[in-house]
Amino acid sequence: MSVEVLNFGCRLNTYEGEVMRGHAALLTDTIVVNTCAVTAEAERQARQAIRRAHREHPEKRIVVTGCAVQIDPAAWADLPGVTRVLGNEDKLKPENWGQGATSAVSDIMAARETAPQLVTEFVGRARAFVQVQQGCDHRCTFCIIPFGRGPNRSVPIGAMVEQVRALVAAGYREVVLTGVDIASYGPDLPGSPTLGQAVRRLLALVPELQRLRLSSIDPAAIDDDLWRLIAEEPRLMPHLHLSLQAGSDMILKRMKRRHDRAQGLAVIARARALRPGIGIGADLIAGFPTETDALFEETLAMVQEAAIPFLHVFPYSERPGTPAARMPAVAKPLRRERAARLRAASATAAADFYQNLIGQHVAILSETGSTGHTEHFAPARLAAPAGALVRARVVAADADGILAEAA
């Protein structure tokens, strides 16, 4: 008996992949492919993985789920070797993972409310992920995810605490709070708690948790409680990953984002003032429709001005049914060229960030036995057992990260 889970896309999919692994534990020879719909490349990789799995293991059943399936189930049901398709809500229900369970394409658009499932293991990972919310109420012009995930729904704080306690008891030292739009946490819950209030209560109620980290967050919606935690709470990691998407006001407006260039820069400056040495990351889209050379240069200048070391760059990917897909397109080779220039600017900032850590003492979560990440999320090389949290001194740095020795 064996179940293999292949996750594509966000950290929320990683969490849900472990939920499915638990539900499907008694199935025989099954491969679960958890798809992503953020970009065409993510979908291509998932289709390629399905075809390869069927070619190499024709005897195994292939179950396909995730956002891409939620949006277009028929396209995935027709792939060779696929025996079942499951929508994003159905995949989290244990009754759908029995030996005789089936899910037809017509059943994909099922009810959206699902209680979070308790997870105690993330196979092959030193850090754990905890879902705090699902869905999104915003409609950025490039994004298809609200159609795959539905509206914003928050996980009650009590359920969040129960999940984190279980993970800490299982030996995890670091937990990452994840979701589709975590900054929108809380308005659907009694009392309308903010994300910062939820984090404060979580840390107070689980004092045994050593490290807490946030996944990508909207810079337009960081609440006052969260800012205070960034400034004062040592167990909240000095690492902020922002969903910036662009550094041009015109492009941000056409994306229907809720912040402008100045607000993005102000959030970065405030974070660095409150938590000196904080690691800053950001998501950016290169080659968004209508992006001229001059508008791209505004985004590039922002990356350079803010010296963002941990940049995730995505060449724009058309998503059918979104407003951006109907806008005048930038040529794909130019999208790739611009993405490369943004990554190069980030690499320069990262090299400087790593150099500034030399001589400092850091806390490294070992992930492979020889590599891990500091509290700032700087990649580190250090010999230590996987899963260990090691106090170390940074002795060298290069373009790939830092070299550290146990203190």
Protein backbone atom coordinates (compact mmCIF):
# COMPACT_ATOMS: atom_id res chain seq x y z
CA MET A 1 0.00 0.00 0.00
CA SER A 2 1.35 3.41 -0.89
CA VAL A 3 0.13 6.94 -1.50
CA GLU A 4 2.31 9.50 -3.24
CA VAL A 5 1.26 13.16 -3.15
CA LEU A 6 2.61 15.60 -5.74
CA ASN A 7 1.93 19.22 -4.73
CA PHE A 8 2.17 22.15 -7.11
CA GLY A 9 1.91 25.84 -6.23
CA CYS A 10 1.35 27.47 -2.87
CA ARG A 11 2.05 26.47 0.71
CA LEU A 12 -1.67 26.02 1.25
CA ASN A 13 -1.49 23.15 -1.24
CA THR A 14 1.36 21.69 0.81
CA TYR A 15 -0.84 21.69 3.91
CA GLU A 16 -3.79 20.22 2.02
CA GLY A 17 -1.53 17.59 0.49
CA GLU A 18 -0.78 16.26 3.96
CA VAL A 19 -4.50 16.25 4.79
CA MET A 20 -5.10 14.10 1.72
CA ARG A 21 -2.17 11.83 2.53
CA GLY A 22 -3.80 11.07 5.86
CA HIS A 23 -7.23 10.49 4.35
CA ALA A 24 -5.85 8.23 1.61
CA ALA A 25 -3.47 6.26 3.82
CA LEU A 26 -5.36 2.98 3.36
CA LEU A 27 -5.58 3.19 -0.42
CA THR A 28 -3.42 0.92 -2.54
CA ASP A 29 -0.97 2.28 -5.12
CA THR A 30 -2.38 5.76 -5.56
CA ILE A 31 -0.79 8.96 -6.86
CA VAL A 32 -2.45 12.24 -5.89
CA VAL A 33 -1.65 15.28 -8.03
CA ASN A 34 -2.57 18.56 -6.29
CA THR A 35 -2.65 21.16 -9.07
CA CYS A 36 -2.15 24.93 -9.18
CA ALA A 37 -3.75 27.46 -11.54
CA VAL A 38 -1.64 30.54 -10.84
CA THR A 39 0.28 30.29 -14.12
CA ALA A 40 0.15 28.29 -17.33
CA GLU A 41 3.56 26.89 -16.40
CA ALA A 42 2.21 25.48 -13.13
CA GLU A 43 -0.56 23.72 -15.05
CA ARG A 44 1.91 22.45 -17.66
CA GLN A 45 4.13 20.96 -14.95
CA ALA A 46 1.15 19.21 -13.36
CA ARG A 47 0.02 17.74 -16.70
CA GLN A 48 3.56 16.61 -17.38
CA ALA A 49 3.73 14.95 -13.95
CA ILE A 50 0.45 13.11 -14.62
CA ARG A 51 1.64 11.80 -17.97
CA ARG A 52 4.98 10.73 -16.50
CA ALA A 53 3.30 9.02 -13.55
CA HIS A 54 0.99 7.08 -15.87
CA ARG A 55 3.87 6.14 -18.15
CA GLU A 56 6.13 4.95 -15.32
CA HIS A 57 3.40 3.42 -13.11
CA PRO A 58 0.50 2.35 -15.33
CA GLU A 59 -0.79 0.10 -12.56
CA LYS A 60 -1.39 3.00 -10.16
CA ARG A 61 -4.53 5.05 -9.81
CA ILE A 62 -4.12 8.78 -10.36
CA VAL A 63 -6.35 11.22 -8.46
CA VAL A 64 -6.15 14.84 -9.61
CA THR A 65 -7.33 17.80 -7.53
CA GLY A 66 -6.49 21.42 -6.74
CA CYS A 67 -7.28 24.83 -8.22
CA ALA A 68 -6.74 23.92 -11.87
CA VAL A 69 -9.17 21.02 -11.49
CA GLN A 70 -11.70 23.19 -9.66
CA ILE A 71 -11.71 25.65 -12.56
CA ASP A 72 -11.77 23.14 -15.46
CA PRO A 73 -12.39 19.57 -14.22
CA ALA A 74 -13.18 18.05 -17.62
CA ALA A 75 -9.77 18.96 -19.04
CA TRP A 76 -8.05 17.01 -16.28
CA ALA A 77 -10.43 14.06 -16.21
CA ASP A 78 -9.52 13.32 -19.85
CA LEU A 79 -5.78 12.97 -19.21
CA PRO A 80 -4.34 9.44 -19.55
CA GLY A 81 -4.36 7.45 -16.31
CA VAL A 82 -6.61 9.80 -14.36
CA THR A 83 -9.19 7.75 -12.49
CA ARG A 84 -10.75 10.48 -10.34
CA VAL A 85 -10.99 14.26 -10.12
CA LEU A 86 -11.78 16.05 -6.86
CA GLY A 87 -12.63 19.70 -6.25
CA ASN A 88 -10.80 21.76 -3.64
CA GLU A 89 -13.45 21.20 -0.98
CA ASP A 90 -14.11 17.55 -1.77
CA LYS A 91 -10.43 16.69 -1.49
CA LEU A 92 -10.45 17.58 2.23
CA LYS A 93 -13.41 15.35 3.11
CA PRO A 94 -12.35 11.94 4.44
CA GLU A 95 -15.44 10.23 3.03
CA ASN A 96 -14.14 10.93 -0.48
CA TRP A 97 -11.04 8.82 0.08
CA GLY A 98 -12.59 5.41 0.73
CA GLN A 99 -11.76 2.50 -1.55
CA GLY A 100 -15.02 2.86 -3.44
CA ALA A 101 -15.32 6.62 -3.43
CA THR A 102 -15.87 8.36 -6.75
CA SER A 103 -16.18 11.98 -7.79
CA ALA A 104 -17.61 12.95 -11.14
CA VAL A 105 -16.80 16.14 -13.01
CA SER A 106 -20.37 17.33 -12.40
CA ASP A 107 -19.80 17.10 -8.64
CA ILE A 108 -16.71 19.36 -8.51
CA MET A 109 -18.54 22.59 -7.65
CA ALA A 110 -19.54 21.31 -4.21
CA ALA A 111 -20.27 23.21 -0.97
CA ARG A 112 -17.28 25.34 0.02
CA GLU A 113 -17.28 25.21 3.81
CA THR A 114 -14.89 22.63 5.17
CA ALA A 115 -13.42 22.42 8.67
CA PRO A 116 -9.61 22.25 8.70
CA GLN A 117 -8.16 18.78 9.19
CA LEU A 118 -5.59 18.02 11.90
CA VAL A 119 -2.15 17.32 10.41
CA THR A 120 0.82 16.10 12.45
CA GLU A 121 3.40 15.34 9.76
CA PHE A 122 4.78 17.05 6.66
CA VAL A 123 6.71 14.34 4.89
CA GLY A 124 10.28 15.37 4.12
CA ARG A 125 9.91 18.86 5.62
CA ALA A 126 11.45 20.43 8.72
CA ARG A 127 8.85 23.20 9.01
CA ALA A 128 5.08 22.79 9.16
CA PHE A 129 2.30 24.75 7.49
CA VAL A 130 -1.00 25.73 9.07
CA GLN A 131 -4.03 26.96 7.15
CA VAL A 132 -5.52 30.13 8.67
CA GLN A 133 -7.91 31.06 5.87
CA GLN A 134 -9.21 30.05 2.46
CA GLY A 135 -10.33 31.97 -0.60
CA CYS A 136 -10.21 35.63 -1.59
CA ASP A 137 -12.78 38.43 -1.88
CA HIS A 138 -10.62 40.60 -4.14
CA ARG A 139 -10.54 40.54 -7.93
CA CYS A 140 -7.08 41.37 -9.18
CA THR A 141 -7.32 41.46 -12.96
CA PHE A 142 -4.62 38.81 -13.51
CA CYS A 143 -5.80 36.26 -10.94
CA ILE A 144 -7.98 33.17 -11.43
CA ILE A 145 -7.55 31.85 -7.88
CA PRO A 146 -10.85 33.21 -6.44
CA PHE A 147 -12.62 30.98 -8.97
CA GLY A 148 -10.69 27.97 -7.67
CA ARG A 149 -10.81 28.79 -3.96
CA GLY A 150 -14.02 30.78 -3.52
CA PRO A 151 -14.62 33.67 -1.09
CA ASN A 152 -12.63 34.45 2.04
CA ARG A 153 -13.23 32.02 4.94
CA SER A 154 -11.22 32.15 8.16
CA VAL A 155 -10.17 29.29 10.45
CA PRO A 156 -11.31 29.89 14.06
CA ILE A 157 -8.46 30.69 16.41
CA GLY A 158 -9.25 27.66 18.59
CA ALA A 159 -8.82 25.30 15.64
CA MET A 160 -5.61 27.06 14.69
CA VAL A 161 -4.24 26.65 18.21
CA GLU A 162 -5.19 22.97 18.28
CA GLN A 163 -3.34 22.38 15.00
CA VAL A 164 -0.19 24.19 16.11
CA ARG A 165 -0.13 22.36 19.44
CA ALA A 166 -0.35 19.04 17.61
CA LEU A 167 2.53 19.98 15.32
CA VAL A 168 4.73 21.16 18.19
CA ALA A 169 3.99 17.93 20.05
CA ALA A 170 5.08 16.06 16.93
CA GLY A 171 8.45 17.80 17.08
CA TYR A 172 8.11 20.78 14.74
CA ARG A 173 9.98 23.87 15.86
CA GLU A 174 8.73 26.22 13.16
CA VAL A 175 5.23 26.78 11.82
CA VAL A 176 4.22 28.87 8.81
CA LEU A 177 0.75 30.42 8.72
CA THR A 178 -0.62 30.12 5.22
CA GLY A 179 -3.70 30.77 3.12
CA VAL A 180 -4.80 32.46 -0.07
CA ASP A 181 -5.02 35.98 1.43
CA ILE A 182 -3.95 35.78 5.06
CA ALA A 183 -4.15 39.56 5.60
CA SER A 184 -7.93 39.29 5.11
CA TYR A 185 -8.24 36.96 8.09
CA GLY A 186 -11.13 37.35 10.50
CA PRO A 187 -14.12 39.43 9.30
CA ASP A 188 -16.29 36.32 8.97
CA LEU A 189 -15.59 35.18 12.56
CA PRO A 190 -17.31 36.33 15.79
CA GLY A 191 -15.70 39.55 16.96
CA SER A 192 -13.92 40.00 13.60
CA PRO A 193 -10.36 39.34 14.87
CA THR A 194 -7.52 40.62 12.71
CA LEU A 195 -4.57 38.50 11.63
CA GLY A 196 -2.38 40.30 14.18
CA GLN A 197 -4.83 39.54 16.99
CA ALA A 198 -4.98 35.90 15.96
CA VAL A 199 -1.18 35.64 15.88
CA ARG A 200 -0.91 37.26 19.31
CA ARG A 201 -3.40 34.81 20.81
CA LEU A 202 -1.75 31.86 19.10
CA LEU A 203 1.67 32.73 20.51
CA ALA A 204 0.19 33.27 23.98
CA LEU A 205 -1.73 29.98 23.95
CA VAL A 206 1.11 27.87 22.51
CA PRO A 207 4.18 29.09 24.44
CA GLU A 208 6.05 25.93 23.46
CA LEU A 209 6.12 27.02 19.79
CA GLN A 210 9.63 28.28 19.06
CA ARG A 211 9.25 29.94 15.66
CA LEU A 212 6.28 31.36 13.78
CA ARG A 213 6.50 32.62 10.22
CA LEU A 214 3.97 34.24 7.87
CA SER A 215 3.47 33.35 4.24
CA SER A 216 2.91 36.01 1.56
CA ILE A 217 0.88 38.98 2.78
CA ASP A 218 -0.89 41.90 1.10
CA PRO A 219 0.98 45.14 1.94
CA ALA A 220 -2.31 47.06 1.94
CA ALA A 221 -3.76 45.14 4.88
CA ILE A 222 -1.16 44.74 7.63
CA ASP A 223 -3.00 45.59 10.85
CA ASP A 224 -1.66 47.50 13.87
CA ASP A 225 -1.44 44.40 16.07
CA LEU A 226 0.71 42.67 13.48
CA TRP A 227 3.01 45.68 13.24
CA ARG A 228 3.46 45.58 17.03
CA LEU A 229 4.31 41.89 16.87
CA ILE A 230 6.85 42.51 14.11
CA ALA A 231 8.49 45.07 16.39
CA GLU A 232 8.28 43.23 19.71
CA GLU A 233 7.77 39.46 19.37
CA PRO A 234 11.00 37.45 19.01
CA ARG A 235 9.13 34.24 18.14
CA LEU A 236 7.61 35.89 15.07
CA MET A 237 10.41 35.54 12.55
CA PRO A 238 12.04 38.71 11.14
CA HIS A 239 10.88 37.88 7.62
CA LEU A 240 8.13 39.61 5.65
CA HIS A 241 7.10 38.41 2.19
CA LEU A 242 4.90 40.94 0.41
CA SER A 243 2.49 40.47 -2.46
CA LEU A 244 3.72 43.57 -4.32
CA GLN A 245 3.21 42.35 -7.93
CA ALA A 246 4.58 45.57 -9.50
CA GLY A 247 6.41 48.81 -8.75
CA SER A 248 4.60 50.99 -11.27
CA ASP A 249 1.49 52.87 -10.21
CA MET A 250 -0.04 52.53 -13.66
CA ILE A 251 0.45 48.76 -13.71
CA LEU A 252 -0.79 48.39 -10.12
CA LYS A 253 -3.93 50.30 -11.08
CA ARG A 254 -4.49 48.06 -14.09
CA MET A 255 -3.98 45.03 -11.84
CA LYS A 256 -6.62 46.45 -9.44
CA ARG A 257 -4.23 46.15 -6.55
CA ARG A 258 -5.07 48.00 -3.30
CA HIS A 259 -1.68 49.65 -2.82
CA ASP A 260 0.53 51.96 -4.87
CA ARG A 261 4.30 52.15 -5.28
CA ALA A 262 4.79 54.60 -2.40
CA GLN A 263 2.78 52.41 -0.02
CA GLY A 264 4.84 49.36 -0.95
CA LEU A 265 8.09 51.20 -0.25
CA ALA A 266 6.65 52.59 3.00
CA VAL A 267 5.75 49.10 4.26
CA ILE A 268 9.30 47.90 3.59
CA ALA A 269 10.81 50.95 5.30
CA ARG A 270 8.52 50.58 8.32
CA ALA A 271 9.36 46.89 8.70
CA ARG A 272 13.08 47.62 8.62
CA ALA A 273 12.72 50.45 11.12
CA LEU A 274 10.74 48.28 13.54
CA ARG A 275 12.87 45.14 13.07
CA PRO A 276 16.39 46.00 11.92
CA GLY A 277 17.85 43.25 9.77
CA ILE A 278 14.45 41.84 8.76
CA GLY A 279 14.47 39.77 5.57
CA ILE A 280 12.18 41.21 2.91
CA GLY A 281 10.68 39.13 0.13
CA ALA A 282 8.16 39.98 -2.56
CA ASP A 283 6.12 38.54 -5.41
CA LEU A 284 6.39 40.38 -8.74
CA ILE A 285 4.86 39.85 -12.17
CA ALA A 286 7.06 40.69 -15.17
CA GLY A 287 5.52 41.68 -18.47
CA PHE A 288 1.99 42.40 -17.32
CA PRO A 289 -0.23 43.50 -20.27
CA THR A 290 0.39 47.12 -21.35
CA GLU A 291 3.73 47.21 -19.50
CA THR A 292 5.99 49.46 -21.57
CA ASP A 293 9.75 49.66 -21.17
CA ALA A 294 9.31 52.78 -19.06
CA LEU A 295 6.73 51.16 -16.77
CA PHE A 296 8.96 48.11 -16.33
CA GLU A 297 11.88 50.35 -15.41
CA GLU A 298 9.74 51.77 -12.58
CA THR A 299 9.35 48.27 -11.11
CA LEU A 300 13.05 47.51 -11.59
CA ALA A 301 13.97 50.79 -9.89
CA MET A 302 11.74 49.91 -6.95
CA VAL A 303 13.48 46.54 -6.48
CA GLN A 304 16.84 48.30 -6.57
CA GLU A 305 15.76 51.16 -4.29
CA ALA A 306 14.22 48.82 -1.72
CA ALA A 307 17.05 46.27 -2.07
CA ILE A 308 14.65 43.32 -1.90
CA PRO A 309 16.74 40.16 -1.40
CA PHE A 310 14.09 37.43 -1.60
CA LEU A 311 12.16 38.03 -4.79
CA HIS A 312 9.74 35.61 -6.46
CA VAL A 313 9.32 36.70 -10.08
CA PHE A 314 6.66 35.31 -12.38
CA PRO A 315 6.52 36.16 -16.09
CA TYR A 316 2.91 37.15 -16.69
CA SER A 317 0.69 34.19 -17.59
CA GLU A 318 -2.67 34.65 -19.30
CA ARG A 319 -5.56 33.17 -17.36
CA PRO A 320 -8.69 32.77 -19.54
CA GLY A 321 -11.67 34.55 -18.03
CA THR A 322 -9.64 37.28 -16.30
CA PRO A 323 -9.73 40.95 -17.38
CA ALA A 324 -5.96 41.06 -17.90
CA ALA A 325 -6.18 38.31 -20.52
CA ARG A 326 -8.11 40.74 -22.72
CA MET A 327 -5.55 43.55 -22.37
CA PRO A 328 -2.80 44.21 -24.96
CA ALA A 329 -0.14 41.60 -24.31
CA VAL A 330 3.62 41.92 -23.92
CA ALA A 331 5.59 39.48 -26.07
CA LYS A 332 6.55 36.34 -24.14
CA PRO A 333 10.30 36.63 -24.85
CA LEU A 334 10.20 40.16 -23.42
CA ARG A 335 8.35 38.92 -20.33
CA ARG A 336 11.12 36.39 -19.74
CA GLU A 337 13.83 38.99 -20.33
CA ARG A 338 12.25 41.38 -17.83
CA ALA A 339 11.84 38.58 -15.28
CA ALA A 340 15.55 37.79 -15.61
CA ARG A 341 16.48 41.44 -15.01
CA LEU A 342 14.33 41.57 -11.87
CA ARG A 343 15.89 38.35 -10.57
CA ALA A 344 19.37 39.73 -11.21
CA ALA A 345 18.56 42.88 -9.22
CA SER A 346 17.26 40.75 -6.38
CA ALA A 347 20.37 38.54 -6.50
CA THR A 348 22.54 41.63 -6.01
CA ALA A 349 20.45 42.66 -2.99
CA ALA A 350 20.58 39.12 -1.63
CA ALA A 351 24.38 38.96 -1.88
CA ASP A 352 24.62 42.20 0.11
CA PHE A 353 22.12 40.88 2.66
CA TYR A 354 24.17 37.70 3.17
CA GLN A 355 27.41 39.69 3.50
CA ASN A 356 25.87 41.83 6.23
CA LEU A 357 25.16 38.69 8.27
CA ILE A 358 28.85 37.74 8.52
CA GLY A 359 29.95 37.75 12.14
CA GLN A 360 26.40 37.68 13.46
CA HIS A 361 24.82 34.93 15.53
CA VAL A 362 21.74 33.40 13.93
CA ALA A 363 19.27 30.59 14.65
CA ILE A 364 19.17 28.08 11.79
CA LEU A 365 16.47 25.50 11.25
CA SER A 366 18.30 22.58 9.66
CA GLU A 367 16.27 21.06 6.84
CA THR A 368 18.52 18.49 5.14
CA GLY A 369 21.32 17.83 7.60
CA SER A 370 23.61 20.26 5.79
CA THR A 371 21.36 23.16 4.76
CA GLY A 372 18.59 25.23 6.30
CA HIS A 373 17.34 28.78 6.79
CA THR A 374 18.00 31.48 9.33
CA GLU A 375 15.23 33.37 11.09
CA HIS A 376 15.45 35.96 8.27
CA PHE A 377 14.93 33.11 5.75
CA ALA A 378 18.47 33.42 4.46
CA PRO A 379 19.65 30.06 3.06
CA ALA A 380 22.36 28.61 5.26
CA ARG A 381 24.94 25.82 5.11
CA LEU A 382 25.51 24.11 8.44
CA ALA A 383 26.06 20.51 9.48
CA ALA A 384 23.24 19.64 11.87
CA PRO A 385 20.53 16.96 12.10
CA ALA A 386 17.45 17.71 10.00
CA GLY A 387 14.79 19.39 12.12
CA ALA A 388 17.27 20.76 14.64
CA LEU A 389 17.23 24.43 15.61
CA VAL A 390 20.86 25.47 15.93
CA ARG A 391 22.43 28.63 17.30
CA ALA A 392 25.30 29.46 14.95
CA ARG A 393 27.77 32.15 13.91
CA VAL A 394 27.94 33.27 10.29
CA VAL A 395 31.51 32.90 9.05
CA ALA A 396 31.18 33.46 5.30
CA ALA A 397 28.72 34.33 2.56
CA ASP A 398 28.38 33.99 -1.19
CA ALA A 399 25.68 34.32 -3.83
CA ASP A 400 23.95 31.17 -2.57
CA GLY A 401 23.62 32.18 1.08
CA ILE A 402 25.68 31.95 4.24
CA LEU A 403 28.10 29.49 5.79
CA ALA A 404 27.72 29.07 9.55
CA GLU A 405 29.32 27.23 12.44
CA ALA A 406 27.55 26.09 15.57
CA ALA A 407 28.11 28.64 18.32
